[in-house]
């Protein structure tokens, strides 16, 4: 399959793209420093989740090699993570005007259009990815999702089945296929799809909700009641989690400010205090682990990130950071395993379906 940019999507962003030195090595761009050295620094910063530093290094790499494909796609990804969407758009449209068949850059451009709510342009970009490289899971899934949202159900089914063929345990492809089949009145097929979702992810709230409805349509009222009960229980937990996330967000302002000021030891201490206060909240563990990586505390980071994945199995970025830690430790098999988990979890966030 296509080697995509180092990081296609994850939840956290920082503000701004300039300044600072990555903790893992010297600042890039010194006179006489090779392109490979600058790119290595950029890649290291990106693996460690330091998107500001990675963006700065990729910018310097592109000054030396203006059409470098990996640097272009990764820089655009950094811009998106840093919420500078128009910079990503300008960079990619200019580059793709010269290199229209680069599927990695085209896939990041699809994210740009999705971020701006332009589903038609996003679909156009994704179709170009599939034309050049049909075995890209993200492209096939998101084309299916956009087609479903646009009520182009035949096209949706085509792309979603292609995604499932590429990744037979891709939960969201089965789920969106179930929604598509339900929308076209194929209740038995929808039931099979939603049941498959629940074999892969038993606590999928949307699958329980829609399966209850599909069972009712099929006259299977006992099963419908069972799923409705499960949905009610899980949706209550989901609401409680959302309320917790709102409460936590108000307490993270100081920690975020310290990160933006590059006061990493102080930020780590603040996040660790928050982790003690909210021991079951995975995103805080992720931030602790990210800062531990940045500060060279590899062993502590490994434990923290493993805890984050245990608390929230659907959180993708800890797996990406764990892959880097395992790779550094020489455990290639564990690194590959974490990257495979990351890839399964990682879909374009703006294209996730809702029930």
Protein backbone atom coordinates (compact mmCIF):
# COMPACT_ATOMS: atom_id res chain seq x y z
CA UNK A 1 0.00 0.00 0.00
CA UNK A 2 0.95 3.63 -0.44
CA UNK A 3 3.24 5.07 2.19
CA UNK A 4 1.23 8.05 3.40
CA UNK A 5 2.65 11.10 5.14
CA UNK A 6 4.07 10.42 8.57
CA UNK A 7 0.90 11.52 10.34
CA UNK A 8 -2.43 11.94 8.59
CA UNK A 9 -4.66 12.81 11.49
CA UNK A 10 -4.91 12.94 15.22
CA UNK A 11 -6.74 14.95 17.79
CA UNK A 12 -4.33 17.42 19.34
CA UNK A 13 -3.23 20.79 18.04
CA UNK A 14 -0.94 23.51 19.29
CA UNK A 15 -1.02 27.13 18.27
CA UNK A 16 1.46 28.75 15.87
CA UNK A 17 4.14 27.31 13.60
CA UNK A 18 7.29 29.27 14.34
CA UNK A 19 10.22 29.19 16.69
CA UNK A 20 11.62 26.84 19.29
CA UNK A 21 13.99 23.90 19.30
CA UNK A 22 12.88 20.30 19.37
CA UNK A 23 14.05 18.52 22.52
CA UNK A 24 15.28 15.52 20.55
CA UNK A 25 18.09 17.35 18.66
CA UNK A 26 19.56 20.61 17.47
CA UNK A 27 17.60 23.13 15.48
CA UNK A 28 17.80 22.48 11.74
CA UNK A 29 18.97 24.81 9.03
CA UNK A 30 22.54 25.57 10.04
CA UNK A 31 24.81 26.54 7.15
CA UNK A 32 26.12 23.46 5.37
CA UNK A 33 23.61 21.14 7.04
CA UNK A 34 22.35 18.54 4.57
CA UNK A 35 18.78 18.16 3.40
CA UNK A 36 18.73 14.67 4.88
CA UNK A 37 19.70 16.06 8.28
CA UNK A 38 16.94 18.68 8.17
CA UNK A 39 14.39 16.06 7.11
CA UNK A 40 15.56 13.68 9.82
CA UNK A 41 15.05 16.41 12.41
CA UNK A 42 11.60 17.19 11.00
CA UNK A 43 10.58 13.55 11.00
CA UNK A 44 11.81 13.11 14.57
CA UNK A 45 9.86 16.16 15.75
CA UNK A 46 6.73 14.89 14.03
CA UNK A 47 7.09 11.43 15.57
CA UNK A 48 7.34 13.10 18.97
CA UNK A 49 4.23 15.19 18.34
CA UNK A 50 6.07 18.53 18.18
CA UNK A 51 4.21 19.85 15.14
CA UNK A 52 5.49 23.41 15.48
CA UNK A 53 9.10 22.31 15.28
CA UNK A 54 8.35 19.77 12.57
CA UNK A 55 6.64 22.46 10.47
CA UNK A 56 9.60 24.79 10.85
CA UNK A 57 12.02 22.07 9.77
CA UNK A 58 9.89 20.97 6.81
CA UNK A 59 9.65 24.60 5.70
CA UNK A 60 13.44 24.78 5.70
CA UNK A 61 13.64 21.49 3.80
CA UNK A 62 11.35 22.89 1.11
CA UNK A 63 13.55 25.97 0.82
CA UNK A 64 16.34 23.60 -0.20
CA UNK A 65 14.20 21.18 -2.25
CA UNK A 66 10.98 23.03 -3.20
CA UNK A 67 9.11 20.01 -4.63
CA UNK A 68 10.15 17.36 -2.13
CA UNK A 69 7.01 15.15 -1.97
CA UNK A 70 7.24 13.82 1.59
CA UNK A 71 8.20 17.21 3.04
CA UNK A 72 5.28 18.84 1.23
CA UNK A 73 2.66 16.37 2.44
CA UNK A 74 4.03 16.32 5.98
CA UNK A 75 4.26 20.11 6.19
CA UNK A 76 0.65 20.41 5.04
CA UNK A 77 -0.31 17.87 7.70
CA UNK A 78 1.49 19.95 10.33
CA UNK A 79 -0.37 23.05 9.17
CA UNK A 80 -3.67 21.22 9.59
CA UNK A 81 -2.70 20.03 13.03
CA UNK A 82 -1.83 23.61 13.91
CA UNK A 83 -5.12 24.88 12.43
CA UNK A 84 -3.50 26.96 9.71
CA UNK A 85 -5.79 25.47 7.09
CA UNK A 86 -5.31 28.09 4.38
CA UNK A 87 -1.53 27.66 4.50
CA UNK A 88 -2.04 23.93 3.91
CA UNK A 89 -4.43 24.68 1.05
CA UNK A 90 -2.03 27.10 -0.65
CA UNK A 91 0.94 24.76 -0.26
CA UNK A 92 -0.89 21.72 -1.65
CA UNK A 93 -2.71 23.38 -4.53
CA UNK A 94 0.54 24.93 -5.73
CA UNK A 95 2.43 21.65 -5.43
CA UNK A 96 -0.31 19.54 -7.05
CA UNK A 97 -0.46 21.99 -9.95
CA UNK A 98 3.06 20.76 -10.76
CA UNK A 99 2.65 17.16 -9.55
CA UNK A 100 -1.01 16.20 -10.06
CA UNK A 101 -0.48 12.46 -9.56
CA UNK A 102 0.92 12.57 -6.01
CA UNK A 103 -1.70 10.63 -4.01
CA UNK A 104 -0.23 11.44 -0.59
CA UNK A 105 -0.47 15.21 -1.14
CA UNK A 106 -3.91 14.78 -2.72
CA UNK A 107 -5.12 12.88 0.35
CA UNK A 108 -4.03 15.70 2.66
CA UNK A 109 -5.79 18.17 0.34
CA UNK A 110 -8.97 16.14 0.80
CA UNK A 111 -8.61 16.79 4.52
CA UNK A 112 -8.30 20.52 3.81
CA UNK A 113 -11.59 20.56 1.91
CA UNK A 114 -13.29 18.44 4.58
CA UNK A 115 -12.05 20.82 7.26
CA UNK A 116 -13.74 23.62 5.32
CA UNK A 117 -16.95 21.63 4.79
CA UNK A 118 -16.54 21.35 1.01
CA UNK A 119 -17.60 17.74 0.42
CA UNK A 120 -17.62 18.05 -3.38
CA UNK A 121 -13.99 19.16 -3.55
CA UNK A 122 -13.02 16.58 -0.95
CA UNK A 123 -14.62 13.83 -3.03
CA UNK A 124 -12.89 15.11 -6.16
CA UNK A 125 -9.52 14.94 -4.42
CA UNK A 126 -10.22 11.46 -3.05
CA UNK A 127 -11.25 10.17 -6.47
CA UNK A 128 -7.89 11.31 -7.79
CA UNK A 129 -6.19 9.35 -5.01
CA UNK A 130 -8.16 6.22 -5.90
CA UNK A 131 -7.44 6.70 -9.60
CA UNK A 132 -3.70 6.64 -8.95
CA UNK A 133 -3.68 4.29 -5.95
CA UNK A 134 -6.93 2.32 -5.42
CA UNK A 135 -5.64 0.48 -2.33
CA UNK A 136 -5.67 3.49 0.02
CA UNK A 137 -8.09 2.71 2.83
CA UNK A 138 -8.61 6.33 3.89
CA UNK A 139 -9.59 7.36 0.37
CA UNK A 140 -12.02 4.50 -0.16
CA UNK A 141 -13.67 4.89 3.23
CA UNK A 142 -14.07 8.64 3.05
CA UNK A 143 -15.40 8.50 -0.50
CA UNK A 144 -17.98 6.05 0.78
CA UNK A 145 -18.85 8.28 3.70
CA UNK A 146 -19.19 11.40 1.54
CA UNK A 147 -21.34 9.50 -0.97
CA UNK A 148 -23.56 8.29 1.88
CA UNK A 149 -23.91 11.83 3.22
CA UNK A 150 -24.76 13.02 -0.29
CA UNK A 151 -27.33 10.20 -0.70
CA UNK A 152 -25.41 8.62 -3.54
CA UNK A 153 -25.98 5.21 -2.06
CA UNK A 154 -24.77 3.03 -4.91
CA UNK A 155 -21.43 4.85 -5.00
CA UNK A 156 -21.24 4.72 -1.20
CA UNK A 157 -21.67 0.96 -1.16
CA UNK A 158 -19.02 0.51 -3.85
CA UNK A 159 -16.36 2.42 -1.93
CA UNK A 160 -17.26 1.03 1.47
CA UNK A 161 -17.03 -2.54 0.24
CA UNK A 162 -13.68 -1.68 -1.32
CA UNK A 163 -12.52 -0.34 2.05
CA UNK A 164 -13.65 -3.52 3.78
CA UNK A 165 -11.77 -5.61 1.22
CA UNK A 166 -8.64 -3.62 2.09
CA UNK A 167 -9.18 -3.79 5.85
CA UNK A 168 -11.65 -6.53 6.87
CA UNK A 169 -11.86 -5.29 10.47
CA UNK A 170 -12.38 -1.59 9.71
CA UNK A 171 -15.26 -0.77 12.02
CA UNK A 172 -16.41 2.51 10.49
CA UNK A 173 -16.61 1.01 6.99
CA UNK A 174 -19.02 -1.67 8.23
CA UNK A 175 -20.96 0.93 10.19
CA UNK A 176 -21.37 3.36 7.30
CA UNK A 177 -22.23 0.45 5.00
CA UNK A 178 -24.95 -0.50 7.47
CA UNK A 179 -26.30 3.05 7.35
CA UNK A 180 -26.24 2.93 3.54
CA UNK A 181 -28.08 -0.39 3.36
CA UNK A 182 -30.61 0.77 5.94
CA UNK A 183 -31.24 3.97 3.96
CA UNK A 184 -32.00 1.91 0.83
CA UNK A 185 -34.37 -0.46 2.63
CA UNK A 186 -32.06 -3.48 2.67
CA UNK A 187 -32.73 -4.26 6.29
CA UNK A 188 -31.20 -7.74 6.42
CA UNK A 189 -27.93 -6.42 4.97
CA UNK A 190 -27.96 -3.50 7.40
CA UNK A 191 -28.48 -5.86 10.33
CA UNK A 192 -25.54 -8.00 9.20
CA UNK A 193 -23.32 -4.92 8.93
CA UNK A 194 -24.27 -3.54 12.34
CA UNK A 195 -23.84 -6.97 13.93
CA UNK A 196 -20.35 -7.13 12.41
CA UNK A 197 -19.56 -3.74 13.94
CA UNK A 198 -20.51 -5.07 17.35
CA UNK A 199 -18.35 -8.16 16.99
CA UNK A 200 -15.42 -5.80 16.38
CA UNK A 201 -16.41 -3.06 18.84
CA UNK A 202 -19.08 -4.21 21.31
CA UNK A 203 -19.64 -0.74 22.77
CA UNK A 204 -20.25 1.10 19.48
CA UNK A 205 -23.13 3.39 20.45
CA UNK A 206 -24.35 4.11 16.92
CA UNK A 207 -24.40 0.43 15.95
CA UNK A 208 -26.62 -0.43 18.93
CA UNK A 209 -28.94 2.48 18.11
CA UNK A 210 -29.32 1.58 14.44
CA UNK A 211 -29.46 -2.15 15.05
CA UNK A 212 -32.42 -1.62 17.38
CA UNK A 213 -34.21 0.24 14.59
CA UNK A 214 -33.29 -2.35 11.96
CA UNK A 215 -34.45 -5.25 14.14
CA UNK A 216 -37.76 -3.45 14.72
CA UNK A 217 -38.24 -3.01 10.98
CA UNK A 218 -37.60 -6.73 10.53
CA UNK A 219 -40.17 -7.57 13.21
CA UNK A 220 -37.53 -8.91 15.59
CA UNK A 221 -38.85 -7.04 18.61
CA UNK A 222 -37.04 -9.00 21.30
CA UNK A 223 -33.66 -8.21 19.71
CA UNK A 224 -34.75 -4.62 19.12
CA UNK A 225 -35.52 -4.18 22.81
CA UNK A 226 -32.18 -5.69 23.76
CA UNK A 227 -30.30 -3.27 21.53
CA UNK A 228 -32.36 -0.32 22.71
CA UNK A 229 -31.43 -1.18 26.30
CA UNK A 230 -27.76 -1.44 25.37
CA UNK A 231 -27.95 1.87 23.54
CA UNK A 232 -29.55 3.59 26.53
CA UNK A 233 -26.83 2.34 28.85
CA UNK A 234 -23.98 3.30 26.51
CA UNK A 235 -25.41 6.69 25.55
CA UNK A 236 -25.64 7.55 29.23
CA UNK A 237 -21.96 6.73 29.62
CA UNK A 238 -21.18 8.73 26.50
CA UNK A 239 -23.02 11.75 27.86
CA UNK A 240 -21.14 11.45 31.15
CA UNK A 241 -17.85 11.28 29.22
CA UNK A 242 -18.75 14.40 27.24
CA UNK A 243 -19.61 16.24 30.44
CA UNK A 244 -16.28 15.17 31.91
CA UNK A 245 -14.45 16.37 28.79
CA UNK A 246 -16.10 19.77 29.17
CA UNK A 247 -15.06 19.99 32.80
CA UNK A 248 -11.51 18.90 32.05
CA UNK A 249 -11.14 21.39 29.21
CA UNK A 250 -11.63 24.29 31.60
CA UNK A 251 -8.79 23.01 33.79
CA UNK A 252 -6.27 22.53 30.97
CA UNK A 253 -5.79 26.19 30.06
CA UNK A 254 -2.67 26.63 32.18
CA UNK A 255 -1.07 23.44 30.86
CA UNK A 256 -1.75 24.41 27.24
CA UNK A 257 -0.30 27.86 27.84
CA UNK A 258 2.86 26.35 29.28
CA UNK A 259 3.22 24.12 26.22
CA UNK A 260 2.77 27.10 23.91
CA UNK A 261 5.46 28.92 25.88
CA UNK A 262 7.68 25.83 25.51
CA UNK A 263 7.96 25.44 29.25
CA UNK A 264 7.79 21.69 28.90
CA UNK A 265 8.85 20.54 32.40
CA UNK A 266 6.29 22.89 33.96
CA UNK A 267 3.64 21.74 31.48
CA UNK A 268 4.39 18.11 32.28
CA UNK A 269 3.99 18.76 35.99
CA UNK A 270 0.67 20.49 35.36
CA UNK A 271 -0.65 17.64 33.19
CA UNK A 272 0.51 15.06 35.75
CA UNK A 273 -1.49 16.91 38.40
CA UNK A 274 -4.51 16.80 36.11
CA UNK A 275 -3.94 13.07 35.49
CA UNK A 276 -4.12 12.46 39.23
CA UNK A 277 -7.33 14.47 39.39
CA UNK A 278 -8.87 12.70 36.37
CA UNK A 279 -7.23 9.25 36.39
CA UNK A 280 -9.60 7.72 33.83
CA UNK A 281 -9.37 10.47 31.19
CA UNK A 282 -7.16 9.18 28.36
CA UNK A 283 -6.46 12.49 26.51
CA UNK A 284 -4.61 13.82 29.57
CA UNK A 285 -2.49 10.66 29.65
CA UNK A 286 -1.73 11.27 25.99
CA UNK A 287 -0.47 14.78 26.76
CA UNK A 288 1.64 13.49 29.63
CA UNK A 289 3.14 10.85 27.36
CA UNK A 290 3.77 13.33 24.57
CA UNK A 291 5.67 15.64 26.92
CA UNK A 292 7.63 12.76 28.41
CA UNK A 293 8.73 11.80 24.89
CA UNK A 294 9.71 15.39 24.18
CA UNK A 295 11.74 15.57 27.39
CA UNK A 296 13.51 12.28 26.71
CA UNK A 297 11.69 10.31 29.41
CA UNK A 298 11.20 7.32 27.12
CA UNK A 299 10.50 4.64 29.73
CA UNK A 300 7.92 6.77 31.53
CA UNK A 301 6.32 7.73 28.22
CA UNK A 302 5.93 4.09 27.22
CA UNK A 303 4.02 3.31 30.42
CA UNK A 304 1.89 6.44 30.19
CA UNK A 305 0.90 5.90 26.56
CA UNK A 306 0.07 2.24 27.20
CA UNK A 307 -2.24 3.45 29.96
CA UNK A 308 -3.87 5.91 27.56
CA UNK A 309 -4.64 3.14 25.05
CA UNK A 310 -6.10 0.97 27.82
CA UNK A 311 -8.36 3.81 28.97
CA UNK A 312 -9.56 4.65 25.46
CA UNK A 313 -8.99 1.96 22.81
CA UNK A 314 -10.30 4.30 20.09
CA UNK A 315 -7.71 7.01 20.72
CA UNK A 316 -5.31 6.69 17.81
CA UNK A 317 -2.35 8.98 18.52
CA UNK A 318 -0.92 7.08 21.51
CA UNK A 319 -0.37 4.12 19.17
CA UNK A 320 1.58 6.36 16.78
CA UNK A 321 3.83 7.63 19.56
CA UNK A 322 4.25 4.11 20.94
CA UNK A 323 5.39 2.94 17.51
CA UNK A 324 8.19 5.49 17.58
CA UNK A 325 9.25 4.42 21.07
CA UNK A 326 9.29 0.75 20.13
CA UNK A 327 11.25 1.54 16.95
CA UNK A 328 13.87 3.40 18.99
CA UNK A 329 14.12 0.43 21.36
CA UNK A 330 14.77 -1.90 18.43
CA UNK A 331 11.43 -3.73 18.68
CA UNK A 332 10.35 -3.54 15.04
CA UNK A 333 7.52 -6.06 15.46
CA UNK A 334 5.90 -4.02 18.26
CA UNK A 335 6.39 -0.80 16.27
CA UNK A 336 4.69 -2.32 13.23
CA UNK A 337 1.86 -3.61 15.40
CA UNK A 338 1.23 -0.15 16.85
CA UNK A 339 1.29 1.45 13.41
CA UNK A 340 -1.26 -1.10 12.17
CA UNK A 341 -3.54 -0.27 15.10
CA UNK A 342 -3.04 3.43 14.39
CA UNK A 343 -3.97 2.92 10.74
CA UNK A 344 -7.15 1.03 11.65
CA UNK A 345 -8.25 3.76 14.03
CA UNK A 346 -7.16 6.66 11.88
CA UNK A 347 -9.78 7.94 9.52
CA UNK A 348 -10.11 11.55 8.44
CA UNK A 349 -11.77 12.99 11.55
CA UNK A 350 -13.91 15.44 9.56
CA UNK A 351 -15.36 12.44 7.71
CA UNK A 352 -16.42 10.32 10.66
CA UNK A 353 -20.05 9.27 10.56
CA UNK A 354 -22.59 9.87 13.27
CA UNK A 355 -25.74 7.99 14.07
